[in-house]
C-alpha atoms as a PDB file:
ATOM      1  CA  MET A   1      64.396  97.597  81.513  1.00  0.00           C
ATOM      2  CA  THR A   2      67.927  98.851  80.845  1.00  0.00           C
ATOM      3  CA  LYS A   3      68.838  95.589  79.110  1.00  0.00           C
ATOM      4  CA  ARG A   4      65.774  95.865  76.821  1.00  0.00           C
ATOM      5  CA  LEU A   5      66.680  99.452  75.865  1.00  0.00           C
ATOM      6  CA  ILE A   6      70.261  98.463  75.084  1.00  0.00           C
ATOM      7  CA  ALA A   7      69.004  95.540  72.970  1.00  0.00           C
ATOM      8  CA  SER A   8      66.632  97.824  71.058  1.00  0.00           C
ATOM      9  CA  LEU A   9      69.382 100.353  70.360  1.00  0.00           C
ATOM     10  CA  ALA A  10      71.669  97.574  69.180  1.00  0.00           C
ATOM     11  CA  LEU A  11      68.948  96.290  66.815  1.00  0.00           C
ATOM     12  CA  ILE A  12      68.489  99.740  65.261  1.00  0.00           C
ATOM     13  CA  GLY A  13      72.081  99.691  64.123  1.00  0.00           C
ATOM     14  CA  SER A  14      72.021  96.089  62.899  1.00  0.00           C
ATOM     15  CA  PRO A  15      72.782  95.387  59.198  1.00  0.00           C
ATOM     16  CA  ALA A  16      69.609  93.281  58.842  1.00  0.00           C
ATOM     17  CA  LEU A  17      67.333  96.115  59.965  1.00  0.00           C
ATOM     18  CA  ASN A  18      69.178  98.675  57.847  1.00  0.00           C
ATOM     19  CA  ALA A  19      68.772  96.393  54.834  1.00  0.00           C
ATOM     20  CA  SER A  20      65.029  96.187  55.521  1.00  0.00           C
ATOM     21  CA  PHE A  21      64.725  99.984  55.595  1.00  0.00           C
ATOM     22  CA  THR A  22      66.679 100.202  52.326  1.00  0.00           C
ATOM     23  CA  LEU A  23      64.367  97.643  50.675  1.00  0.00           C
ATOM     24  CA  ILE A  24      61.264  99.549  51.778  1.00  0.00           C
ATOM     25  CA  ALA A  25      62.704 102.785  50.433  1.00  0.00           C
ATOM     26  CA  CYS A  26      63.387 101.153  47.052  1.00  0.00           C
ATOM     27  CA  ILE A  27      59.926  99.603  46.823  1.00  0.00           C
ATOM     28  CA  SER A  28      57.997 102.782  47.667  1.00  0.00           C
ATOM     29  CA  PRO A  29      58.774 104.665  44.383  1.00  0.00           C
ATOM     30  CA  ALA A  30      57.899 101.513  42.399  1.00  0.00           C
ATOM     31  CA  VAL A  31      54.486 101.406  44.044  1.00  0.00           C
ATOM     32  CA  HIS A  32      53.826 104.982  42.968  1.00  0.00           C
ATOM     33  CA  ALA A  33      55.068 104.211  39.423  1.00  0.00           C
ATOM     34  CA  ALA A  34      52.481 101.454  39.063  1.00  0.00           C
ATOM     35  CA  ALA A  35      49.573 103.902  39.207  1.00  0.00           C
ATOM     36  CA  PRO A  36      46.772 103.100  36.706  1.00  0.00           C
ATOM     37  CA  VAL A  37      47.134 104.640  33.247  1.00  0.00           C
ATOM     38  CA  PRO A  38      44.182 106.327  31.478  1.00  0.00           C
ATOM     39  CA  SER A  39      41.744 103.910  29.848  1.00  0.00           C
ATOM     40  CA  TYR A  40      40.059 104.590  26.504  1.00  0.00           C
ATOM     41  CA  THR A  41      37.727 102.911  24.036  1.00  0.00           C
ATOM     42  CA  ALA A  42      37.642 103.558  20.289  1.00  0.00           C
ATOM     43  CA  ASP A  43      34.728 105.545  18.894  1.00  0.00           C
ATOM     44  CA  PRO A  44      33.687 103.414  15.875  1.00  0.00           C
ATOM     45  CA  GLN A  45      32.072 106.355  14.090  1.00  0.00           C
ATOM     46  CA  SER A  46      35.305 108.348  14.041  1.00  0.00           C
ATOM     47  CA  SER A  47      37.840 105.512  13.752  1.00  0.00           C
ATOM     48  CA  ARG A  48      39.080 103.351  10.895  1.00  0.00           C
ATOM     49  CA  LEU A  49      40.874 100.036  10.496  1.00  0.00           C
ATOM     50  CA  GLU A  50      42.103  99.349   6.963  1.00  0.00           C
ATOM     51  CA  PHE A  51      44.391  97.063   4.999  1.00  0.00           C
ATOM     52  CA  VAL A  52      45.994  97.153   1.570  1.00  0.00           C
ATOM     53  CA  GLY A  53      46.707  94.009  -0.416  1.00  0.00           C
ATOM     54  CA  VAL A  54      47.980  93.378  -3.929  1.00  0.00           C
ATOM     55  CA  GLN A  55      45.941  91.397  -6.451  1.00  0.00           C
ATOM     56  CA  ALA A  56      47.087  90.874 -10.035  1.00  0.00           C
ATOM     57  CA  GLY A  57      49.767  93.527  -9.522  1.00  0.00           C
ATOM     58  CA  ALA A  58      47.341  96.229  -8.373  1.00  0.00           C
ATOM     59  CA  ASN A  59      46.687  97.501  -4.873  1.00  0.00           C
ATOM     60  CA  PHE A  60      43.249  97.040  -3.358  1.00  0.00           C
ATOM     61  CA  LYS A  61      41.992  98.479  -0.091  1.00  0.00           C
ATOM     62  CA  GLY A  62      39.776  96.830   2.486  1.00  0.00           C
ATOM     63  CA  VAL A  63      38.224  98.034   5.728  1.00  0.00           C
ATOM     64  CA  PHE A  64      36.706  96.405   8.780  1.00  0.00           C
ATOM     65  CA  HIS A  65      33.462  98.031   9.827  1.00  0.00           C
ATOM     66  CA  LYS A  66      33.081  96.237  13.159  1.00  0.00           C
ATOM     67  CA  TYR A  67      35.760  96.043  15.834  1.00  0.00           C
ATOM     68  CA  THR A  68      36.436  97.095  19.395  1.00  0.00           C
ATOM     69  CA  ALA A  69      39.598  98.609  20.810  1.00  0.00           C
ATOM     70  CA  ALA A  70      40.366  98.962  24.514  1.00  0.00           C
ATOM     71  CA  VAL A  71      43.404 101.164  25.086  1.00  0.00           C
ATOM     72  CA  ASP A  72      45.228 101.767  28.354  1.00  0.00           C
ATOM     73  CA  PHE A  73      48.036 104.140  27.484  1.00  0.00           C
ATOM     74  CA  ALA A  74      50.254 106.846  28.955  1.00  0.00           C
ATOM     75  CA  PRO A  75      53.503 107.981  27.284  1.00  0.00           C
ATOM     76  CA  ASP A  76      55.243 108.096  30.672  1.00  0.00           C
ATOM     77  CA  ALA A  77      53.964 104.680  31.812  1.00  0.00           C
ATOM     78  CA  LEU A  78      54.663 102.361  28.892  1.00  0.00           C
ATOM     79  CA  ALA A  79      55.229  99.352  31.162  1.00  0.00           C
ATOM     80  CA  ASN A  80      51.613  99.589  32.316  1.00  0.00           C
ATOM     81  CA  SER A  81      50.094 100.329  28.896  1.00  0.00           C
ATOM     82  CA  ARG A  82      48.071  97.939  26.756  1.00  0.00           C
ATOM     83  CA  ILE A  83      46.143  97.860  23.465  1.00  0.00           C
ATOM     84  CA  ASP A  84      43.526  95.151  22.956  1.00  0.00           C
ATOM     85  CA  VAL A  85      41.606  94.902  19.659  1.00  0.00           C
ATOM     86  CA  GLN A  86      38.866  92.469  18.648  1.00  0.00           C
ATOM     87  CA  ILE A  87      37.936  92.404  14.936  1.00  0.00           C
ATOM     88  CA  ASP A  88      34.737  91.010  13.432  1.00  0.00           C
ATOM     89  CA  LEU A  89      36.077  89.379  10.257  1.00  0.00           C
ATOM     90  CA  ASN A  90      32.587  89.178   8.761  1.00  0.00           C
ATOM     91  CA  SER A  91      32.650  92.974   8.533  1.00  0.00           C
ATOM     92  CA  VAL A  92      35.439  93.015   5.934  1.00  0.00           C
ATOM     93  CA  ASP A  93      34.684  95.252   2.957  1.00  0.00           C
ATOM     94  CA  SER A  94      37.039  95.530  -0.033  1.00  0.00           C
ATOM     95  CA  MET A  95      34.464  97.255  -2.238  1.00  0.00           C
ATOM     96  CA  ASP A  96      34.111  94.105  -4.361  1.00  0.00           C
ATOM     97  CA  LYS A  97      31.324  91.649  -3.501  1.00  0.00           C
ATOM     98  CA  ASP A  98      32.930  88.603  -5.121  1.00  0.00           C
ATOM     99  CA  ARG A  99      36.300  89.288  -3.505  1.00  0.00           C
ATOM    100  CA  ASP A 100      34.666  89.800  -0.096  1.00  0.00           C
ATOM    101  CA  THR A 101      32.909  86.446  -0.432  1.00  0.00           C
ATOM    102  CA  THR A 102      36.253  84.809  -1.151  1.00  0.00           C
ATOM    103  CA  ILE A 103      37.973  86.582   1.753  1.00  0.00           C
ATOM    104  CA  ARG A 104      35.273  85.439   4.169  1.00  0.00           C
ATOM    105  CA  GLY A 105      35.379  81.918   2.743  1.00  0.00           C
ATOM    106  CA  ALA A 106      37.246  78.801   3.824  1.00  0.00           C
ATOM    107  CA  ASP A 107      40.380  79.562   1.792  1.00  0.00           C
ATOM    108  CA  VAL A 108      41.156  82.929   3.431  1.00  0.00           C
ATOM    109  CA  PHE A 109      39.573  84.042   6.747  1.00  0.00           C
ATOM    110  CA  ASP A 110      37.232  81.045   7.077  1.00  0.00           C
ATOM    111  CA  VAL A 111      34.813  83.049   9.209  1.00  0.00           C
ATOM    112  CA  ALA A 112      32.579  80.001   9.674  1.00  0.00           C
ATOM    113  CA  HIS A 113      35.253  78.592  12.001  1.00  0.00           C
ATOM    114  CA  TRP A 114      37.145  81.713  13.055  1.00  0.00           C
ATOM    115  CA  PRO A 115      34.751  84.700  13.005  1.00  0.00           C
ATOM    116  CA  SER A 116      37.095  87.099  14.782  1.00  0.00           C
ATOM    117  CA  ALA A 117      40.715  88.165  15.030  1.00  0.00           C
ATOM    118  CA  HIS A 118      42.397  89.365  18.212  1.00  0.00           C
ATOM    119  CA  TYR A 119      45.415  91.618  18.722  1.00  0.00           C
ATOM    120  CA  VAL A 120      46.913  92.428  22.113  1.00  0.00           C
ATOM    121  CA  THR A 121      50.170  94.212  22.866  1.00  0.00           C
ATOM    122  CA  ARG A 122      52.939  92.869  25.094  1.00  0.00           C
ATOM    123  CA  SER A 123      55.508  95.680  25.221  1.00  0.00           C
ATOM    124  CA  PHE A 124      56.054  99.307  24.165  1.00  0.00           C
ATOM    125  CA  THR A 125      59.078 101.446  23.318  1.00  0.00           C
ATOM    126  CA  LYS A 126      59.564 105.135  22.538  1.00  0.00           C
ATOM    127  CA  THR A 127      60.805 105.904  19.026  1.00  0.00           C
ATOM    128  CA  PRO A 128      61.957 109.118  17.281  1.00  0.00           C
ATOM    129  CA  LYS A 129      58.602 109.303  15.460  1.00  0.00           C
ATOM    130  CA  GLY A 130      56.336 108.178  18.300  1.00  0.00           C
ATOM    131  CA  PHE A 131      56.000 104.698  19.741  1.00  0.00           C
ATOM    132  CA  ALA A 132      56.407 101.052  18.777  1.00  0.00           C
ATOM    133  CA  ALA A 133      54.723  98.011  20.255  1.00  0.00           C
ATOM    134  CA  VAL A 134      55.046  94.274  19.938  1.00  0.00           C
ATOM    135  CA  GLY A 135      51.825  92.335  20.178  1.00  0.00           C
ATOM    136  CA  ALA A 136      50.285  88.991  19.316  1.00  0.00           C
ATOM    137  CA  LEU A 137      47.772  88.670  16.493  1.00  0.00           C
ATOM    138  CA  THR A 138      45.501  85.625  16.479  1.00  0.00           C
ATOM    139  CA  LEU A 139      43.953  84.919  13.072  1.00  0.00           C
ATOM    140  CA  ARG A 140      42.494  81.618  11.825  1.00  0.00           C
ATOM    141  CA  GLY A 141      43.599  80.030  15.101  1.00  0.00           C
ATOM    142  CA  VAL A 142      47.243  80.999  14.533  1.00  0.00           C
ATOM    143  CA  THR A 143      48.988  83.406  16.924  1.00  0.00           C
ATOM    144  CA  LYS A 144      52.106  85.296  15.857  1.00  0.00           C
ATOM    145  CA  ASP A 145      53.827  88.509  16.882  1.00  0.00           C
ATOM    146  CA  VAL A 146      53.089  91.574  14.767  1.00  0.00           C
ATOM    147  CA  PRO A 147      54.896  94.846  15.602  1.00  0.00           C
ATOM    148  CA  ILE A 148      53.152  98.183  15.138  1.00  0.00           C
ATOM    149  CA  ASP A 149      54.376 101.785  14.898  1.00  0.00           C
ATOM    150  CA  PHE A 150      52.078 104.561  16.039  1.00  0.00           C
ATOM    151  CA  GLN A 151      51.612 108.113  17.264  1.00  0.00           C
ATOM    152  CA  PHE A 152      49.533 109.033  20.304  1.00  0.00           C
ATOM    153  CA  THR A 153      48.141 112.534  20.774  1.00  0.00           C
ATOM    154  CA  GLN A 154      45.795 114.034  23.323  1.00  0.00           C
ATOM    155  CA  THR A 155      42.610 115.657  21.988  1.00  0.00           C
ATOM    156  CA  ALA A 156      39.762 117.650  23.482  1.00  0.00           C
ATOM    157  CA  ALA A 157      37.552 114.538  23.391  1.00  0.00           C
ATOM    158  CA  GLY A 158      40.204 112.109  24.642  1.00  0.00           C
ATOM    159  CA  ALA A 159      43.062 110.977  22.413  1.00  0.00           C
ATOM    160  CA  LYS A 160      43.972 109.758  18.937  1.00  0.00           C
ATOM    161  CA  LEU A 161      46.098 106.715  18.113  1.00  0.00           C
ATOM    162  CA  GLU A 162      47.300 106.405  14.519  1.00  0.00           C
ATOM    163  CA  GLY A 163      49.706 103.877  13.099  1.00  0.00           C
ATOM    164  CA  SER A 164      50.550 100.998  10.809  1.00  0.00           C
ATOM    165  CA  ALA A 165      51.806  97.431  10.650  1.00  0.00           C
ATOM    166  CA  LYS A 166      52.952  94.870   8.126  1.00  0.00           C
ATOM    167  CA  LEU A 167      52.237  91.167   8.081  1.00  0.00           C
ATOM    168  CA  LYS A 168      52.313  88.156   5.791  1.00  0.00           C
ATOM    169  CA  ARG A 169      48.908  86.559   5.280  1.00  0.00           C
ATOM    170  CA  LEU A 170      50.356  83.083   4.693  1.00  0.00           C
ATOM    171  CA  ASP A 171      51.954  83.129   8.171  1.00  0.00           C
ATOM    172  CA  PHE A 172      48.393  82.830   9.470  1.00  0.00           C
ATOM    173  CA  GLY A 173      47.139  80.384   6.856  1.00  0.00           C
ATOM    174  CA  ALA A 174      45.063  83.101   5.154  1.00  0.00           C
ATOM    175  CA  GLY A 175      45.444  81.550   1.746  1.00  0.00           C
ATOM    176  CA  GLN A 176      44.521  77.944   1.032  1.00  0.00           C
ATOM    177  CA  GLY A 177      44.016  76.102  -2.252  1.00  0.00           C
ATOM    178  CA  ASP A 178      44.502  78.432  -5.223  1.00  0.00           C
ATOM    179  CA  TRP A 179      44.955  81.377  -2.847  1.00  0.00           C
ATOM    180  CA  LYS A 180      48.098  79.878  -1.342  1.00  0.00           C
ATOM    181  CA  SER A 181      49.989  80.994  -4.428  1.00  0.00           C
ATOM    182  CA  THR A 182      51.431  84.516  -4.418  1.00  0.00           C
ATOM    183  CA  GLU A 183      51.313  84.718  -8.216  1.00  0.00           C
ATOM    184  CA  TRP A 184      48.006  86.616  -8.155  1.00  0.00           C
ATOM    185  CA  VAL A 185      47.675  87.752  -4.544  1.00  0.00           C
ATOM    186  CA  ALA A 186      50.786  88.996  -2.717  1.00  0.00           C
ATOM    187  CA  ASP A 187      51.744  87.594   0.657  1.00  0.00           C
ATOM    188  CA  ALA A 188      52.486  91.005   2.209  1.00  0.00           C
ATOM    189  CA  VAL A 189      49.609  93.043   3.657  1.00  0.00           C
ATOM    190  CA  GLN A 190      49.830  96.613   4.939  1.00  0.00           C
ATOM    191  CA  ILE A 191      47.632  97.557   7.914  1.00  0.00           C
ATOM    192  CA  SER A 192      46.739 101.123   8.905  1.00  0.00           C
ATOM    193  CA  PHE A 193      44.575 102.411  11.719  1.00  0.00           C
ATOM    194  CA  SER A 194      43.306 105.665  13.146  1.00  0.00           C
ATOM    195  CA  LEU A 195      41.505 105.294  16.455  1.00  0.00           C
ATOM    196  CA  ALA A 196      39.544 108.173  17.961  1.00  0.00           C
ATOM    197  CA  LEU A 197      39.693 107.383  21.663  1.00  0.00           C
ATOM    198  CA  LYS A 198      37.238 108.487  24.293  1.00  0.00           C
ATOM    199  CA  PRO A 199      37.772 108.025  28.047  1.00  0.00           C
ATOM    200  CA  LYS A 200      36.405 104.749  29.319  1.00  0.00           C
ATOM    201  CA  THR A 201      33.450 105.193  31.658  1.00  0.00           C
END
């Protein structure tokens, strides 16, 4: 009995056991930090997803009427946050019927083969004006990183997420045949969004 007690006391002071206690102490705060962040969905009636392109030297605006946005976000838990957006490319509306037909056609979005676009974030950082994220956009079967800048504010109904991004349409093949030239349609496209978020149920 005495030998067992002495052995137990010796083990308590051993470096291996002390290291184990230290590891457990370090892991415990990390477990608490990984708590789930609030989940939201975009209210389509109060949200907007727009883009601005340049055609023949003049700006034109387009909107997407159908899309979904699932947002898991907390300013103090950026490592566990995520934005996931699915866009119905058939819902594009640039207020010009002929242009919309061209955009939906094989030379631009080619909705017959790729009816949707998908954007999902990979990382977030805090900025002086709000937040920035890096995410992957998949369009026409091409996936490339597109950074976004945005502000996130709490509201009585949930939250609001507003921001912008820039991309080059030709990076995604959105411009074939005559539309591959930037003489009439610029390569750069400006994206803006305002998402009215309601808690996910």
